[in-house]
C-alpha atoms as a PDB file:
ATOM      1  CA  MET A   1      -1.142 107.776-109.426  1.00  0.00           C
ATOM      2  CA  VAL A   2      -2.971 106.148-106.545  1.00  0.00           C
ATOM      3  CA  ALA A   3      -2.145 107.727-103.178  1.00  0.00           C
ATOM      4  CA  GLU A   4      -1.861 105.956 -99.769  1.00  0.00           C
ATOM      5  CA  LYS A   5      -2.893 107.903 -96.679  1.00  0.00           C
ATOM      6  CA  LEU A   6      -4.012 107.110 -93.196  1.00  0.00           C
ATOM      7  CA  ALA A   7      -7.749 107.270 -92.547  1.00  0.00           C
ATOM      8  CA  ARG A   8      -7.031 108.755 -89.145  1.00  0.00           C
ATOM      9  CA  GLU A   9     -10.455 108.543 -87.756  1.00  0.00           C
ATOM     10  CA  THR A  10     -13.510 106.325 -88.322  1.00  0.00           C
ATOM     11  CA  ASP A  11     -16.439 105.108 -86.301  1.00  0.00           C
ATOM     12  CA  PRO A  12     -15.299 101.567 -85.405  1.00  0.00           C
ATOM     13  CA  ARG A  13     -18.927 100.365 -85.497  1.00  0.00           C
ATOM     14  CA  VAL A  14     -18.946 101.219 -89.236  1.00  0.00           C
ATOM     15  CA  ILE A  15     -15.196 100.819 -90.193  1.00  0.00           C
ATOM     16  CA  PRO A  16     -13.221  98.938 -87.627  1.00  0.00           C
ATOM     17  CA  THR A  17      -9.687 100.104 -86.747  1.00  0.00           C
ATOM     18  CA  GLY A  18      -7.195  98.357 -89.080  1.00  0.00           C
ATOM     19  CA  THR A  19      -9.628  98.023 -91.927  1.00  0.00           C
ATOM     20  CA  GLU A  20      -8.084  98.751 -95.348  1.00  0.00           C
ATOM     21  CA  VAL A  21     -10.354 100.897 -97.583  1.00  0.00           C
ATOM     22  CA  TYR A  22     -10.269 102.499-101.053  1.00  0.00           C
ATOM     23  CA  ILE A  23     -11.878 105.893-101.869  1.00  0.00           C
ATOM     24  CA  PRO A  24     -12.235 106.084-105.627  1.00  0.00           C
ATOM     25  CA  GLU A  25     -13.092 109.790-105.838  1.00  0.00           C
ATOM     26  CA  LEU A  26      -9.684 110.497-104.198  1.00  0.00           C
ATOM     27  CA  GLU A  27      -7.797 107.591-105.808  1.00  0.00           C
ATOM     28  CA  LEU A  28      -6.847 106.849-102.289  1.00  0.00           C
ATOM     29  CA  TYR A  29      -5.979 103.652-100.406  1.00  0.00           C
ATOM     30  CA  ALA A  30      -6.103 104.129 -96.606  1.00  0.00           C
ATOM     31  CA  VAL A  31      -6.126 102.167 -93.311  1.00  0.00           C
ATOM     32  CA  ALA A  32      -8.415 103.114 -90.402  1.00  0.00           C
ATOM     33  CA  GLU A  33      -5.960 103.843 -87.681  1.00  0.00           C
ATOM     34  CA  ASP A  34      -7.924 105.666 -84.959  1.00  0.00           C
ATOM     35  CA  THR A  35     -11.353 106.452 -83.662  1.00  0.00           C
ATOM     36  CA  GLY A  36     -12.388 110.094 -83.314  1.00  0.00           C
ATOM     37  CA  GLY A  37     -14.910 111.534 -80.872  1.00  0.00           C
ATOM     38  CA  ASP A  38     -16.382 113.647 -83.530  1.00  0.00           C
ATOM     39  CA  ILE A  39     -16.574 110.877 -86.130  1.00  0.00           C
ATOM     40  CA  LYS A  40     -19.956 109.156 -85.835  1.00  0.00           C
ATOM     41  CA  GLY A  41     -21.649 106.873 -88.278  1.00  0.00           C
ATOM     42  CA  LYS A  42     -20.678 106.938 -91.934  1.00  0.00           C
ATOM     43  CA  ARG A  43     -17.911 109.482 -91.707  1.00  0.00           C
ATOM     44  CA  ILE A  44     -14.175 109.253 -92.301  1.00  0.00           C
ATOM     45  CA  ASP A  45     -11.371 111.701 -91.596  1.00  0.00           C
ATOM     46  CA  VAL A  46      -8.317 111.339 -93.888  1.00  0.00           C
ATOM     47  CA  TYR A  47      -4.940 112.446 -92.669  1.00  0.00           C
ATOM     48  CA  THR A  48      -3.284 114.440 -95.437  1.00  0.00           C
ATOM     49  CA  GLY A  49      -0.011 115.298 -93.727  1.00  0.00           C
ATOM     50  CA  SER A  50       1.340 118.233 -91.880  1.00  0.00           C
ATOM     51  CA  GLY A  51       2.510 121.681 -92.782  1.00  0.00           C
ATOM     52  CA  GLU A  52       1.511 123.778 -95.732  1.00  0.00           C
ATOM     53  CA  GLU A  53       1.342 120.754 -98.180  1.00  0.00           C
ATOM     54  CA  GLY A  54      -0.912 118.754 -95.809  1.00  0.00           C
ATOM     55  CA  LEU A  55      -3.172 121.783 -95.299  1.00  0.00           C
ATOM     56  CA  LYS A  56      -3.414 122.464 -99.035  1.00  0.00           C
ATOM     57  CA  GLU A  57      -4.411 118.826 -99.693  1.00  0.00           C
ATOM     58  CA  ALA A  58      -6.979 118.903 -96.878  1.00  0.00           C
ATOM     59  CA  LEU A  59      -8.516 122.064 -98.223  1.00  0.00           C
ATOM     60  CA  ASP A  60      -8.563 120.565-101.832  1.00  0.00           C
ATOM     61  CA  ILE A  61     -10.328 117.448-100.535  1.00  0.00           C
ATOM     62  CA  GLY A  62     -12.773 119.438 -98.405  1.00  0.00           C
ATOM     63  CA  ASN A  63     -15.887 118.049 -96.809  1.00  0.00           C
ATOM     64  CA  ARG A  64     -17.754 115.899 -99.295  1.00  0.00           C
ATOM     65  CA  MET A  65     -19.609 112.654 -99.884  1.00  0.00           C
ATOM     66  CA  VAL A  66     -17.335 109.834-101.150  1.00  0.00           C
ATOM     67  CA  THR A  67     -17.608 106.161-101.775  1.00  0.00           C
ATOM     68  CA  VAL A  68     -15.658 103.994 -99.305  1.00  0.00           C
ATOM     69  CA  ILE A  69     -14.895 100.508-100.528  1.00  0.00           C
ATOM     70  CA  ILE A  70     -13.821  97.951 -97.864  1.00  0.00           C
ATOM     71  CA  ILE A  71     -10.771  96.114 -99.172  1.00  0.00           C
ATOM     72  CA  LYS A  72      -9.980  94.094 -96.070  1.00  0.00           C
ATOM     73  CA  ARG A  73     -11.970  94.328 -92.817  1.00  0.00           C
ATOM     74  CA  ALA A  74      -9.938  94.071 -89.602  1.00  0.00           C
END
């Protein structure tokens, strides 16, 4: 099953806010919704939810290199 999440933070010079992306390694469709002060260049921060379930998913994803495919640029 392909999941949908918010790409909470991106560098708008690389992935503008509102851009739809697909991350095949995570089978994840996401929308860039925010810019983060710590997110510079080719980095993306994916929101996985809150509580124990969100934390578990974030730890499962970890910090790794992924492919980000632009579906629709904002």
